[in-house]
Amino acid sequence: MTYLVKLHPNVIKFIEKCDKSISDRIYKRLELLKENPFRYLEHYEGEDCFKFRIGDYRALVDVDNSRKIVFIQVLDHRSRIYKNQ
């Protein structure tokens, strides 16, 4: 059973502002989460969510196993993402 990947509106805005090559890479990596998200996710210490590496970018992710949804809450450059949390 595949998972549905949903993006927070701020994540969509962030991706739209990126260069096309970066946004293409982000979308390609997000596709990996559809089949087996836990293969790529790491638990984010101190929080009730996961982190997902996309090159120099990081996404903070919630997973609803019962409904098979992966929700991308936050996406930013790795130098900024942990400072905002």
C-alpha atoms as a PDB file:
ATOM      1  CA  MET A   1       0.000   0.000   0.000  1.00  0.00           C
ATOM      2  CA  THR A   2       1.446   3.341  -0.993  1.00  0.00           C
ATOM      3  CA  TYR A   3       1.449   6.432   1.164  1.00  0.00           C
ATOM      4  CA  LEU A   4       0.061   9.791   0.125  1.00  0.00           C
ATOM      5  CA  VAL A   5       2.604  12.617   0.463  1.00  0.00           C
ATOM      6  CA  LYS A   6       1.018  15.927   1.480  1.00  0.00           C
ATOM      7  CA  LEU A   7       2.877  19.236   1.623  1.00  0.00           C
ATOM      8  CA  HIS A   8       2.197  22.133   3.980  1.00  0.00           C
ATOM      9  CA  PRO A   9       1.418  25.332   1.992  1.00  0.00           C
ATOM     10  CA  ASN A  10       4.654  26.937   3.256  1.00  0.00           C
ATOM     11  CA  VAL A  11       6.610  23.965   1.912  1.00  0.00           C
ATOM     12  CA  ILE A  12       5.018  24.438  -1.508  1.00  0.00           C
ATOM     13  CA  LYS A  13       5.964  28.146  -1.454  1.00  0.00           C
ATOM     14  CA  PHE A  14       9.538  27.276  -0.483  1.00  0.00           C
ATOM     15  CA  ILE A  15       9.885  24.771  -3.327  1.00  0.00           C
ATOM     16  CA  GLU A  16       8.437  27.247  -5.841  1.00  0.00           C
ATOM     17  CA  LYS A  17      11.096  29.805  -4.839  1.00  0.00           C
ATOM     18  CA  CYS A  18      13.958  27.336  -5.407  1.00  0.00           C
ATOM     19  CA  ASP A  19      15.841  26.929  -8.661  1.00  0.00           C
ATOM     20  CA  LYS A  20      14.278  24.401 -11.005  1.00  0.00           C
ATOM     21  CA  SER A  21      17.122  21.914 -10.533  1.00  0.00           C
ATOM     22  CA  ILE A  22      16.692  22.018  -6.746  1.00  0.00           C
ATOM     23  CA  SER A  23      12.902  21.803  -6.869  1.00  0.00           C
ATOM     24  CA  ASP A  24      13.132  18.831  -9.257  1.00  0.00           C
ATOM     25  CA  ARG A  25      15.536  17.084  -6.858  1.00  0.00           C
ATOM     26  CA  ILE A  26      13.210  17.782  -3.908  1.00  0.00           C
ATOM     27  CA  TYR A  27      10.159  16.355  -5.698  1.00  0.00           C
ATOM     28  CA  LYS A  28      12.157  13.311  -6.835  1.00  0.00           C
ATOM     29  CA  ARG A  29      13.248  12.586  -3.241  1.00  0.00           C
ATOM     30  CA  LEU A  30       9.710  13.100  -1.918  1.00  0.00           C
ATOM     31  CA  GLU A  31       8.492  10.432  -4.349  1.00  0.00           C
ATOM     32  CA  LEU A  32      10.635   7.899  -2.467  1.00  0.00           C
ATOM     33  CA  LEU A  33       8.443   8.333   0.611  1.00  0.00           C
ATOM     34  CA  LYS A  34       5.388   6.904  -1.151  1.00  0.00           C
ATOM     35  CA  GLU A  35       6.444   3.252  -1.074  1.00  0.00           C
ATOM     36  CA  ASN A  36       8.292   2.842   2.223  1.00  0.00           C
ATOM     37  CA  PRO A  37       8.738   6.119   4.114  1.00  0.00           C
ATOM     38  CA  PHE A  38      10.472   4.607   7.134  1.00  0.00           C
ATOM     39  CA  ARG A  39      13.362   3.459   4.984  1.00  0.00           C
ATOM     40  CA  TYR A  40      14.356   7.113   4.493  1.00  0.00           C
ATOM     41  CA  LEU A  41      13.160   8.819   7.681  1.00  0.00           C
ATOM     42  CA  GLU A  42      15.121   9.331  10.880  1.00  0.00           C
ATOM     43  CA  HIS A  43      13.541  10.168  14.217  1.00  0.00           C
ATOM     44  CA  TYR A  44      14.051  13.838  15.081  1.00  0.00           C
ATOM     45  CA  GLU A  45      15.334  13.864  18.664  1.00  0.00           C
ATOM     46  CA  GLY A  46      13.289  15.846  21.144  1.00  0.00           C
ATOM     47  CA  GLU A  47      10.307  16.082  18.802  1.00  0.00           C
ATOM     48  CA  ASP A  48       7.423  13.826  17.838  1.00  0.00           C
ATOM     49  CA  CYS A  49       8.299  13.792  14.136  1.00  0.00           C
ATOM     50  CA  PHE A  50      10.879  12.566  11.650  1.00  0.00           C
ATOM     51  CA  LYS A  51      13.539  14.263   9.554  1.00  0.00           C
ATOM     52  CA  PHE A  52      14.192  13.550   5.896  1.00  0.00           C
ATOM     53  CA  ARG A  53      17.428  14.416   4.072  1.00  0.00           C
ATOM     54  CA  ILE A  54      17.242  15.997   0.630  1.00  0.00           C
ATOM     55  CA  GLY A  55      20.838  16.957  -0.197  1.00  0.00           C
ATOM     56  CA  ASP A  56      21.557  20.186   1.706  1.00  0.00           C
ATOM     57  CA  TYR A  57      17.887  20.502   2.660  1.00  0.00           C
ATOM     58  CA  ARG A  58      15.916  18.894   5.468  1.00  0.00           C
ATOM     59  CA  ALA A  59      12.219  18.200   5.851  1.00  0.00           C
ATOM     60  CA  LEU A  60      10.389  17.630   9.121  1.00  0.00           C
ATOM     61  CA  VAL A  61       7.748  14.980   8.589  1.00  0.00           C
ATOM     62  CA  ASP A  62       4.714  13.480  10.349  1.00  0.00           C
ATOM     63  CA  VAL A  63       3.439  10.033   9.382  1.00  0.00           C
ATOM     64  CA  ASP A  64      -0.141   8.833   9.871  1.00  0.00           C
ATOM     65  CA  ASN A  65       0.137   5.058   9.469  1.00  0.00           C
ATOM     66  CA  SER A  66      -3.572   4.388   9.845  1.00  0.00           C
ATOM     67  CA  ARG A  67      -4.449   6.657   6.906  1.00  0.00           C
ATOM     68  CA  LYS A  68      -1.157   6.089   5.021  1.00  0.00           C
ATOM     69  CA  ILE A  69      -0.278   9.795   4.853  1.00  0.00           C
ATOM     70  CA  VAL A  70       3.176  11.392   4.999  1.00  0.00           C
ATOM     71  CA  PHE A  71       2.828  15.086   5.845  1.00  0.00           C
ATOM     72  CA  ILE A  72       5.781  17.374   5.107  1.00  0.00           C
ATOM     73  CA  GLN A  73       5.488  20.092   7.764  1.00  0.00           C
ATOM     74  CA  VAL A  74       8.663  22.113   7.204  1.00  0.00           C
ATOM     75  CA  LEU A  75      11.331  22.236   4.502  1.00  0.00           C
ATOM     76  CA  ASP A  76      14.412  24.455   4.577  1.00  0.00           C
ATOM     77  CA  HIS A  77      18.172  24.491   4.180  1.00  0.00           C
ATOM     78  CA  ARG A  78      19.909  22.378   6.804  1.00  0.00           C
ATOM     79  CA  SER A  79      21.665  25.450   8.243  1.00  0.00           C
ATOM     80  CA  ARG A  80      18.290  27.009   9.120  1.00  0.00           C
ATOM     81  CA  ILE A  81      15.831  24.227   9.763  1.00  0.00           C
ATOM     82  CA  TYR A  82      16.942  23.263  13.246  1.00  0.00           C
ATOM     83  CA  LYS A  83      17.214  26.892  14.418  1.00  0.00           C
ATOM     84  CA  ASN A  84      13.522  27.523  13.681  1.00  0.00           C
ATOM     85  CA  GLN A  85      12.276  24.630  15.800  1.00  0.00           C
END
